[in-house]
Amino acid sequence: MFLQMVLGFGLKSRFDEESLRKLVAENASRRILAKLAAAIGFGEKMGDIIDELVKNRKEIEAVYFASESGLTKRFSPVSLLKSYLKNSKKITTTVLKNGNYSAAATVCLISIYIV
């Protein structure tokens, strides 16, 4: 909602762009943020945001951002989704192999599969 107000009232110049970019990256699970980031005018920074999302294993969100910013040639949705599946399988295998069925492990697995 904060970013919607920044955009709606044209307040981008009153805030540090790096802080706004971090706010977008941290809350990327909300699909509307991809549209807001494009509308705010992150332009060149969208690639950095997508790189950060991929680094933090948020490939699904990265697909939204790549699509909204027109960077699907640089960040192929197919390769992002394959990376997501690979990471999910790796984490699932590790949890099952270790026999770690704790609440924390369950939450970790659920967060991977819920978008």
Protein backbone atom coordinates (compact mmCIF):
# COMPACT_ATOMS: atom_id res chain seq x y z
CA MET A 1 0.00 0.00 0.00
CA PHE A 2 2.91 2.32 0.74
CA LEU A 3 4.24 1.99 -2.80
CA GLN A 4 0.77 2.59 -4.21
CA MET A 5 0.66 5.88 -2.31
CA VAL A 6 4.15 6.83 -3.47
CA LEU A 7 3.08 6.21 -7.05
CA GLY A 8 -0.37 7.74 -6.73
CA PHE A 9 0.85 10.98 -5.19
CA GLY A 10 4.05 11.21 -7.24
CA LEU A 11 6.31 11.04 -4.19
CA LYS A 12 9.14 8.96 -5.65
CA SER A 13 11.55 11.90 -5.60
CA ARG A 14 11.07 12.30 -1.83
CA PHE A 15 12.41 8.82 -1.09
CA ASP A 16 15.74 7.15 -1.62
CA GLU A 17 15.40 4.99 -4.74
CA GLU A 18 17.52 2.22 -3.23
CA SER A 19 15.16 2.00 -0.22
CA LEU A 20 12.14 1.75 -2.52
CA ARG A 21 13.90 -0.92 -4.59
CA LYS A 22 14.66 -2.98 -1.46
CA LEU A 23 11.06 -2.60 -0.33
CA VAL A 24 9.88 -3.97 -3.67
CA ALA A 25 12.32 -6.91 -3.55
CA GLU A 26 11.42 -7.82 0.03
CA ASN A 27 7.69 -7.85 -0.69
CA ALA A 28 7.83 -9.32 -4.17
CA SER A 29 5.40 -12.11 -3.37
CA ARG A 30 2.56 -9.68 -3.97
CA ARG A 31 1.98 -9.77 -7.72
CA ILE A 32 0.88 -6.14 -7.81
CA LEU A 33 4.41 -5.06 -6.90
CA ALA A 34 5.72 -6.06 -10.31
CA LYS A 35 3.27 -3.64 -11.89
CA LEU A 36 3.98 -0.94 -9.32
CA ALA A 37 7.73 -1.24 -9.80
CA ALA A 38 7.32 -0.83 -13.54
CA ALA A 39 4.95 2.12 -13.06
CA ILE A 40 7.24 3.83 -10.54
CA GLY A 41 9.91 3.76 -13.20
CA PHE A 42 12.60 1.45 -11.92
CA GLY A 43 13.40 0.65 -15.56
CA GLU A 44 17.10 -0.17 -15.46
CA LYS A 45 16.86 -1.35 -11.85
CA MET A 46 14.30 -4.04 -12.70
CA GLY A 47 17.10 -6.35 -13.84
CA ASP A 48 18.79 -5.90 -10.45
CA ILE A 49 15.52 -6.62 -8.66
CA ILE A 50 15.02 -9.79 -10.71
CA ASP A 51 18.62 -10.89 -10.03
CA GLU A 52 18.02 -10.41 -6.30
CA LEU A 53 14.80 -12.40 -6.45
CA VAL A 54 16.54 -15.28 -8.21
CA LYS A 55 19.38 -15.17 -5.70
CA ASN A 56 16.83 -15.43 -2.87
CA ARG A 57 15.07 -18.39 -4.54
CA LYS A 58 12.00 -16.38 -5.52
CA GLU A 59 11.94 -17.47 -9.14
CA ILE A 60 8.14 -17.34 -9.42
CA GLU A 61 8.14 -13.68 -8.42
CA ALA A 62 11.02 -13.08 -10.84
CA VAL A 63 8.79 -14.33 -13.67
CA TYR A 64 6.19 -11.69 -12.82
CA PHE A 65 8.79 -8.93 -12.72
CA ALA A 66 10.41 -10.04 -15.97
CA SER A 67 7.04 -10.11 -17.69
CA GLU A 68 5.96 -6.69 -16.40
CA SER A 69 9.27 -5.05 -17.28
CA GLY A 70 9.62 -6.65 -20.70
CA LEU A 71 12.82 -8.47 -19.72
CA THR A 72 11.65 -11.96 -20.67
CA LYS A 73 14.44 -12.31 -23.23
CA ARG A 74 17.07 -11.64 -20.58
CA PHE A 75 15.22 -13.61 -17.88
CA SER A 76 13.50 -16.48 -19.65
CA PRO A 77 10.37 -17.60 -17.77
CA VAL A 78 11.09 -21.20 -18.74
CA SER A 79 14.60 -21.15 -17.25
CA LEU A 80 13.34 -19.37 -14.12
CA LEU A 81 10.65 -22.01 -13.62
CA LYS A 82 13.13 -24.83 -14.21
CA SER A 83 15.39 -23.26 -11.59
CA TYR A 84 12.43 -23.08 -9.21
CA LEU A 85 11.66 -26.78 -9.69
CA LYS A 86 15.31 -27.75 -9.29
CA ASN A 87 15.62 -25.79 -6.02
CA SER A 88 12.31 -27.17 -4.72
CA LYS A 89 13.35 -30.74 -5.40
CA LYS A 90 16.73 -30.18 -3.78
CA ILE A 91 15.21 -28.75 -0.60
CA THR A 92 12.52 -31.42 -0.46
CA THR A 93 15.08 -34.19 -0.91
CA THR A 94 17.28 -32.72 1.82
CA VAL A 95 14.41 -32.47 4.31
CA LEU A 96 13.23 -36.02 3.57
CA LYS A 97 16.77 -37.41 3.66
CA ASN A 98 17.51 -35.83 7.03
CA GLY A 99 14.20 -36.99 8.46
CA ASN A 100 13.61 -33.45 9.62
CA TYR A 101 9.84 -33.27 9.87
CA SER A 102 9.84 -30.42 12.35
CA ALA A 103 7.43 -27.52 12.10
CA ALA A 104 10.18 -25.32 10.67
CA ALA A 105 10.94 -27.82 7.90
CA THR A 106 7.26 -28.12 7.09
CA VAL A 107 6.89 -24.35 6.86
CA CYS A 108 9.96 -24.22 4.62
CA LEU A 109 8.47 -26.79 2.25
CA ILE A 110 5.06 -25.14 2.24
CA SER A 111 6.57 -21.75 1.45
CA ILE A 112 8.28 -23.27 -1.59
CA TYR A 113 5.11 -24.71 -3.04
CA ILE A 114 2.72 -21.86 -2.26
CA VAL A 115 2.95 -18.83 -4.47
